[in-house]
Protein backbone atom coordinates (compact mmCIF):
# COMPACT_ATOMS: atom_id res chain seq x y z
CA MET A 1 87.02 110.20 135.06
CA ILE A 2 85.15 110.89 131.81
CA ARG A 3 88.40 110.46 129.89
CA TYR A 4 89.01 107.11 131.61
CA ALA A 5 85.48 105.90 130.91
CA CYS A 6 85.78 106.87 127.25
CA SER A 7 89.11 105.09 126.96
CA LEU A 8 87.61 101.97 128.51
CA LEU A 9 84.68 102.10 126.11
CA ALA A 10 87.06 102.53 123.16
CA THR A 11 89.02 99.47 124.26
CA VAL A 12 85.86 97.38 124.51
CA LEU A 13 84.78 98.55 121.04
CA PHE A 14 88.17 97.72 119.61
CA VAL A 15 88.21 94.18 121.03
CA ALA A 16 84.62 93.52 119.96
CA CYS A 17 85.15 94.74 116.42
CA SER A 18 88.50 93.02 116.04
CA THR A 19 87.28 89.57 117.09
CA GLY A 20 83.87 89.33 115.50
CA GLY A 21 82.43 88.55 112.09
CA ALA A 22 84.64 89.17 109.07
CA ASN A 23 87.48 90.30 111.29
CA ALA A 24 87.99 87.03 113.10
CA PRO A 25 91.70 86.22 113.58
CA ASP A 26 93.53 86.09 110.26
CA ALA A 27 90.38 86.57 108.15
CA ASP A 28 91.95 89.73 106.77
CA ARG A 29 95.11 87.79 105.82
CA ALA A 30 93.41 84.90 104.03
CA GLY A 31 94.49 85.02 100.41
CA GLN A 32 97.53 87.22 100.99
CA TRP A 33 100.13 86.72 98.31
CA SER A 34 103.20 84.79 99.31
CA ALA A 35 106.51 86.59 99.06
CA GLU A 36 107.38 84.29 96.16
CA LYS A 37 104.25 85.27 94.24
CA ALA A 38 104.78 88.95 94.95
CA ASN A 39 108.39 88.83 93.77
CA ALA A 40 107.47 86.88 90.64
CA TRP A 41 104.83 89.50 89.81
CA TYR A 42 107.28 92.34 90.42
CA ALA A 43 109.95 90.76 88.23
CA GLU A 44 107.57 91.11 85.30
CA GLN A 45 107.07 94.86 85.87
CA PRO A 46 109.25 97.64 84.53
CA TRP A 47 110.75 100.00 87.07
CA LEU A 48 107.61 101.82 88.17
CA ALA A 49 108.11 105.58 87.91
CA GLY A 50 105.37 108.15 88.12
CA ALA A 51 103.56 110.70 90.25
CA ASN A 52 100.53 111.16 92.44
CA PHE A 53 97.98 112.62 90.07
CA GLY A 54 94.93 114.82 90.16
CA PRO A 55 94.17 117.35 87.42
CA SER A 56 95.18 120.93 88.14
CA THR A 57 91.54 122.01 87.88
CA ALA A 58 90.41 119.81 90.81
CA ILE A 59 90.93 120.78 94.44
CA ASN A 60 90.31 117.23 95.67
CA GLN A 61 89.19 113.70 94.78
CA ILE A 62 85.48 114.57 94.77
CA ALA A 63 86.02 117.42 92.33
CA MET A 64 88.10 115.14 90.11
CA TRP A 65 85.43 112.45 89.87
CA GLN A 66 82.01 114.11 90.22
CA LYS A 67 80.07 114.28 86.96
CA GLU A 68 79.77 118.06 87.11
CA THR A 69 83.51 118.68 87.44
CA PHE A 70 85.09 115.66 85.74
CA ASP A 71 87.52 117.45 83.43
CA ALA A 72 88.51 114.91 80.80
CA LYS A 73 90.23 117.49 78.61
CA THR A 74 92.61 118.59 81.36
CA ILE A 75 93.19 115.03 82.55
CA ASP A 76 94.15 113.91 79.06
CA ARG A 77 96.46 116.88 78.50
CA GLU A 78 98.24 116.47 81.83
CA LEU A 79 98.63 112.72 81.43
CA GLY A 80 100.41 113.67 78.22
CA TYR A 81 102.90 115.61 80.34
CA ALA A 82 103.52 112.41 82.31
CA GLU A 83 104.12 110.46 79.12
CA SER A 84 106.57 113.13 77.97
CA LEU A 85 108.66 112.49 81.10
CA GLY A 86 108.79 108.76 80.45
CA PHE A 87 106.55 107.98 83.42
CA ASN A 88 104.77 104.63 83.15
CA THR A 89 102.36 104.84 86.09
CA MET A 90 100.34 107.26 88.18
CA ARG A 91 98.82 107.02 91.68
CA VAL A 92 95.22 108.25 91.71
CA PHE A 93 92.81 108.78 94.61
CA LEU A 94 89.15 107.71 94.48
CA HIS A 95 86.33 108.66 96.88
CA HIS A 96 83.53 106.62 98.42
CA LEU A 97 80.95 109.45 98.30
CA VAL A 98 81.09 109.66 94.52
CA TRP A 99 80.50 105.91 94.36
CA GLN A 100 77.55 106.10 96.75
CA GLN A 101 75.99 108.91 94.74
CA ASP A 102 76.17 107.17 91.35
CA PRO A 103 78.08 103.87 91.06
CA LYS A 104 77.32 103.37 87.38
CA GLY A 105 78.32 106.89 86.37
CA TYR A 106 81.45 106.73 88.53
CA LEU A 107 82.63 103.54 86.87
CA GLU A 108 82.02 105.10 83.46
CA ARG A 109 84.23 108.04 84.39
CA ILE A 110 86.90 105.74 85.78
CA ASP A 111 86.80 103.83 82.49
CA LYS A 112 87.31 107.10 80.61
CA TYR A 113 90.27 107.92 82.83
CA LEU A 114 91.83 104.49 82.35
CA ASN A 115 91.39 104.72 78.59
CA MET A 116 93.18 108.07 78.56
CA ALA A 117 95.96 106.80 80.81
CA ASP A 118 96.38 103.71 78.65
CA ARG A 119 96.73 105.84 75.51
CA HIS A 120 99.58 107.61 77.28
CA HIS A 121 101.16 104.27 78.28
CA LEU A 122 100.42 104.80 81.98
CA LYS A 123 99.24 102.13 84.39
CA THR A 124 97.28 103.27 87.43
CA MET A 125 97.57 102.62 91.15
CA PHE A 126 94.20 103.45 92.69
CA VAL A 127 93.91 104.65 96.30
CA LEU A 128 90.55 103.76 97.83
CA LEU A 129 90.54 105.49 101.24
CA ASP A 130 92.44 108.44 102.76
CA ASP A 131 92.86 109.81 106.30
CA VAL A 132 94.51 113.11 105.38
CA TRP A 133 93.24 116.71 105.49
CA ASP A 134 89.52 117.64 105.77
CA PRO A 135 87.72 115.06 107.97
CA SER A 136 84.22 116.11 106.86
CA PRO A 137 83.87 115.39 103.11
CA ALA A 138 80.66 116.31 101.29
CA LEU A 139 79.35 116.02 97.77
CA GLY A 140 78.44 119.04 95.66
CA LYS A 141 80.42 122.11 94.79
CA GLN A 142 83.81 122.00 96.48
CA ARG A 143 85.16 125.14 98.09
CA ASP A 144 87.72 127.37 96.44
CA PRO A 145 91.38 127.06 97.51
CA LYS A 146 92.52 129.14 100.45
CA PRO A 147 95.12 131.56 99.03
CA GLY A 148 98.68 130.46 99.73
CA VAL A 149 97.77 127.24 101.59
CA HIS A 150 98.97 123.72 100.78
CA ASN A 151 96.14 121.27 99.91
CA SER A 152 93.50 123.47 101.52
CA GLY A 153 90.56 121.53 100.07
CA TRP A 154 91.64 117.89 100.05
CA VAL A 155 89.15 115.61 101.80
CA GLN A 156 89.34 112.38 103.73
CA SER A 157 87.53 109.19 102.82
CA PRO A 158 85.55 108.12 104.73
CA GLY A 159 86.10 110.96 107.22
CA LYS A 160 85.55 111.13 110.95
CA GLU A 161 81.79 110.40 111.10
CA ILE A 162 82.19 106.93 109.60
CA LEU A 163 85.72 106.19 110.78
CA GLY A 164 84.86 106.87 114.42
CA ASN A 165 81.72 104.72 114.35
CA PRO A 166 82.56 101.04 113.77
CA ASP A 167 78.89 100.28 113.20
CA ARG A 168 79.11 102.36 110.01
CA HIS A 169 82.30 100.81 108.59
CA ALA A 170 80.21 98.28 106.65
CA GLU A 171 78.80 101.15 104.57
CA LEU A 172 82.12 101.12 102.73
CA GLU A 173 82.04 97.44 101.76
CA PRO A 174 80.00 97.87 98.53
CA TYR A 175 82.37 100.63 97.41
CA ILE A 176 85.57 98.69 98.13
CA LYS A 177 84.28 95.50 96.56
CA GLY A 178 82.52 97.22 93.67
CA ILE A 179 85.60 99.12 92.51
CA ILE A 180 88.03 96.24 92.92
CA ASP A 181 85.71 93.69 91.35
CA ARG A 182 85.24 95.87 88.26
CA TYR A 183 88.98 96.13 87.62
CA LYS A 184 90.37 93.02 89.33
CA ASN A 185 91.66 91.61 86.02
CA ASP A 186 92.24 94.90 84.21
CA SER A 187 95.83 95.23 83.01
CA ARG A 188 95.52 99.02 83.14
CA VAL A 189 95.43 98.83 86.94
CA VAL A 190 98.79 97.89 88.40
CA ILE A 191 98.35 98.01 92.21
CA TRP A 192 95.57 98.60 94.76
CA ASP A 193 96.55 101.03 97.52
CA LEU A 194 93.74 100.42 99.97
CA TYR A 195 94.15 103.27 102.46
CA ASN A 196 96.37 106.34 102.39
CA GLU A 197 98.11 107.23 105.67
CA PRO A 198 95.62 105.56 108.03
CA GLY A 199 95.44 107.34 111.35
CA ASN A 200 96.99 110.64 110.21
CA PRO A 201 95.85 113.15 112.89
CA ASN A 202 96.13 116.38 110.85
CA VAL A 203 97.18 118.20 114.00
CA ASP A 204 98.68 121.19 112.18
CA SER A 205 95.77 121.69 109.79
CA TYR A 206 92.25 120.75 110.84
CA GLY A 207 93.26 120.05 114.44
CA PRO A 208 93.07 116.66 116.15
CA VAL A 209 90.17 114.65 114.81
CA GLU A 210 87.51 114.27 117.46
CA LEU A 211 88.06 110.58 118.03
CA LEU A 212 89.39 108.89 121.13
CA ASP A 213 92.20 107.30 119.13
CA LYS A 214 92.17 107.78 115.37
CA LYS A 215 94.86 105.18 114.76
CA MET A 216 92.89 102.59 116.69
CA TYR A 217 89.81 103.16 114.53
CA ALA A 218 91.94 103.26 111.38
CA LEU A 219 93.41 99.85 112.21
CA MET A 220 89.93 98.46 112.82
CA LEU A 221 88.75 99.75 109.43
CA LEU A 222 91.93 98.73 107.63
CA LYS A 223 91.54 95.10 108.69
CA LYS A 224 88.00 95.10 107.33
CA VAL A 225 89.12 96.66 104.05
CA PHE A 226 91.81 94.01 103.59
CA THR A 227 89.17 91.33 104.25
CA TRP A 228 86.79 92.77 101.65
CA ALA A 229 89.57 93.15 99.09
CA ARG A 230 90.87 89.61 99.67
CA GLU A 231 87.36 88.26 99.09
CA ILE A 232 87.43 89.76 95.58
CA ASN A 233 90.91 88.27 94.98
CA PRO A 234 92.22 90.73 92.37
CA SER A 235 95.04 89.83 90.03
CA GLN A 236 96.88 92.97 91.19
CA PRO A 237 98.68 93.17 94.56
CA LEU A 238 97.30 94.99 97.60
CA THR A 239 99.30 97.45 99.66
CA VAL A 240 99.04 100.12 102.35
CA ALA A 241 102.01 102.41 102.93
CA ILE A 242 103.78 102.80 106.25
CA TRP A 243 104.15 106.55 106.50
CA ASP A 244 105.14 107.88 109.94
CA ALA A 245 107.62 105.37 111.31
CA ASP A 246 110.86 106.22 113.08
CA TRP A 247 113.12 104.02 110.99
CA SER A 248 115.97 104.37 113.46
CA LYS A 249 113.82 102.86 116.23
CA PRO A 250 111.81 99.89 114.92
CA GLU A 251 111.08 98.95 118.51
CA THR A 252 108.73 101.96 118.64
CA PHE A 253 106.56 100.71 115.78
CA THR A 254 102.88 100.47 116.66
CA GLU A 255 100.50 97.64 115.84
CA LEU A 256 99.28 99.76 112.92
CA HIS A 257 102.83 100.16 111.58
CA ARG A 258 103.43 96.43 111.73
CA TYR A 259 100.10 95.61 110.15
CA GLU A 260 100.66 98.00 107.23
CA ILE A 261 103.83 96.10 106.39
CA GLU A 262 102.83 92.55 107.19
CA ALA A 263 99.37 92.51 105.60
CA SER A 264 100.47 93.97 102.25
CA ASP A 265 101.28 91.84 99.20
CA ILE A 266 103.95 94.34 98.21
CA ILE A 267 105.37 96.80 100.72
CA SER A 268 104.94 100.52 100.21
CA PHE A 269 106.14 103.51 102.19
CA HIS A 270 106.23 107.31 102.21
CA ASN A 271 109.36 109.31 102.87
CA TYR A 272 110.09 113.02 102.48
CA ASP A 273 113.44 112.91 104.30
CA PRO A 274 116.98 113.26 102.92
CA LEU A 275 118.55 110.24 101.25
CA PRO A 276 120.19 108.68 104.35
CA ARG A 277 116.80 108.28 106.03
CA VAL A 278 115.24 106.93 102.84
CA MET A 279 118.01 104.34 102.75
CA LEU A 280 117.38 103.52 106.40
CA ALA A 281 113.73 102.83 105.61
CA VAL A 282 114.62 100.62 102.66
CA ASP A 283 117.18 98.66 104.66
CA TYR A 284 114.53 97.86 107.25
CA LEU A 285 111.81 96.96 104.74
CA LYS A 286 114.08 94.66 102.76
CA LYS A 287 114.01 92.26 105.71
CA PHE A 288 110.50 91.20 104.74
CA GLY A 289 111.59 89.81 101.38
CA ARG A 290 108.86 91.48 99.34
CA PRO A 291 108.89 94.08 96.53
CA ILE A 292 109.05 97.69 97.76
CA VAL A 293 107.40 100.77 96.29
CA CYS A 294 107.75 104.37 97.50
CA THR A 295 104.32 105.88 96.90
CA GLU A 296 105.17 109.39 98.16
CA TYR A 297 108.45 111.32 98.10
CA MET A 298 109.94 114.61 96.82
CA ALA A 299 109.82 117.75 98.94
CA ARG A 300 112.50 120.12 97.67
CA PRO A 301 113.08 122.25 100.81
CA MET A 302 113.55 119.04 102.83
CA LYS A 303 116.42 117.91 100.56
CA ASN A 304 114.27 115.14 99.18
CA THR A 305 114.54 115.84 95.47
CA PHE A 306 114.46 113.98 92.18
CA GLU A 307 118.22 114.32 91.88
CA SER A 308 118.88 112.99 95.39
CA ILE A 309 116.26 110.23 95.68
CA MET A 310 115.26 108.96 92.25
CA PRO A 311 118.63 107.38 91.30
CA TYR A 312 118.71 105.38 94.53
CA LEU A 313 115.15 104.13 94.07
CA LYS A 314 115.93 103.12 90.51
CA GLU A 315 119.14 101.36 91.54
CA GLN A 316 117.18 99.36 94.11
CA LYS A 317 114.25 98.82 91.68
CA ILE A 318 111.93 100.47 94.15
CA GLY A 319 108.88 101.99 92.50
CA ALA A 320 108.94 105.80 92.69
CA TYR A 321 105.80 107.95 92.87
CA ASN A 322 106.55 111.58 93.73
CA TRP A 323 103.89 113.78 95.29
CA GLY A 324 102.53 116.51 93.06
CA PHE A 325 102.49 116.88 89.32
CA VAL A 326 100.88 119.99 87.81
CA ALA A 327 100.50 123.04 90.05
CA GLY A 328 96.85 123.94 90.40
CA LYS A 329 94.00 124.06 92.86
CA THR A 330 95.64 121.73 95.38
CA GLN A 331 98.48 124.27 95.69
CA THR A 332 100.98 121.63 96.78
CA ASN A 333 103.78 123.79 95.42
CA TYR A 334 103.28 125.61 98.75
CA PRO A 335 104.82 123.91 101.82
CA TRP A 336 103.06 122.25 104.74
CA ASP A 337 103.82 125.18 107.05
CA SER A 338 101.50 127.36 104.97
CA TRP A 339 98.70 125.94 107.14
CA LYS A 340 100.12 127.96 110.03
CA LYS A 341 101.04 131.02 108.01
CA PRO A 342 99.59 131.31 104.47
CA TYR A 343 102.01 132.54 101.83
CA LYS A 344 101.27 135.86 100.14
CA THR A 345 103.31 134.99 97.07
CA GLU A 346 104.42 131.81 95.33
CA PRO A 347 107.33 130.25 97.21
CA ARG A 348 110.71 130.74 95.60
CA LEU A 349 111.38 127.02 95.99
CA TRP A 350 108.34 124.90 95.25
CA PHE A 351 107.55 122.17 97.77
CA HIS A 352 106.02 119.69 95.29
CA ASP A 353 104.87 119.68 91.64
CA ILE A 354 106.78 119.54 88.36
CA PHE A 355 104.81 121.59 85.83
CA ARG A 356 102.84 124.79 85.65
CA SER A 357 99.32 124.36 84.30
CA ASP A 358 100.38 125.32 80.76
CA GLY A 359 102.91 122.48 80.72
CA THR A 360 105.95 124.67 81.38
CA PRO A 361 108.43 122.87 83.65
CA TYR A 362 109.03 124.57 86.99
CA ILE A 363 112.72 123.61 86.64
CA ALA A 364 113.78 122.61 83.13
CA ARG A 365 116.95 120.95 84.41
CA GLU A 366 114.86 118.77 86.72
CA VAL A 367 112.65 117.61 83.86
CA ARG A 368 115.72 116.67 81.84
CA PHE A 369 116.97 114.68 84.82
CA ILE A 370 113.68 112.79 85.18
CA LYS A 371 113.78 111.91 81.48
CA LYS A 372 117.30 110.62 81.94
CA MET A 373 116.14 108.41 84.82
CA THR A 374 113.20 106.99 82.84
CA GLY A 375 115.16 106.57 79.63
CA LYS A 376 112.91 109.01 77.76
CA ASN A 377 115.94 110.82 76.33
């Protein structure tokens, strides 16, 4: 009975928030780029090749961007590793709490980052929100990594307290608009990724988030975020990646899946599967007639490697951002299953990441292959 009442209340909340104010029908789609505009923009870009980036000395986005732990020296050095591979872009996560603490200082640090990236000939895709890993982010000193555990300190933005309370969603509007407005005409920023993996339940790590339906709330927030971003009207395209779809059964796609694809200026997706399933995803997404970018791939034990995936993405001119770059405090060289059973020693086959912290390639042959793909050789 309590479960039924809660479900009914959630439905009422969803309808009310989806039909009122800024989220009136199609308000979130006003200003969306046409397919023609998106394709014209993409034709002017090089093949986008890069990685998801956070410095090896930061366990999460807050540690990367807080004044006390902003490590410009490491960031600059590791962006140099990216330049050495021939990468031309990096995907970088921001966090709303750092903005709320000190907007002016945060923008100054973002400027420093963009200046460093630009010196290394790297354009940046910024990610504004994230539904993955710790649902209770907090400012201040971030905890130390749990030994042998993949991404043990990464934090969500906004996290469950705001996500599960639609009355608090508006707290994020100044952050979304403030960041995008600052860089809306900045050539150093290539794409806006508004929300990473909305609705991800983290079942195998932090347990199910204590919301009635996380994906429902994520869709409610995502529509608002698109509305706020469209009101700023940046010169760069907006996207949100579809990340958990069964590509063999499009009929099972949820409203959130469809919205992620249909509301984006350019389409993005995540895929850690072997090549045939990556190709299946691409075949489906091509039907929408928009540019496609893969913003997460590369998990070696899952047969999703640079050698198997990167040539196909390049052939199709699909942007390629692998997860992981320099092994460090995020420990993403350890696999996902380390959440269930922490590793006592470094895995023989790394899950993600390309370099050790001193710049030594994990696999020299792999680095040579990446350089071949980017033309760096």
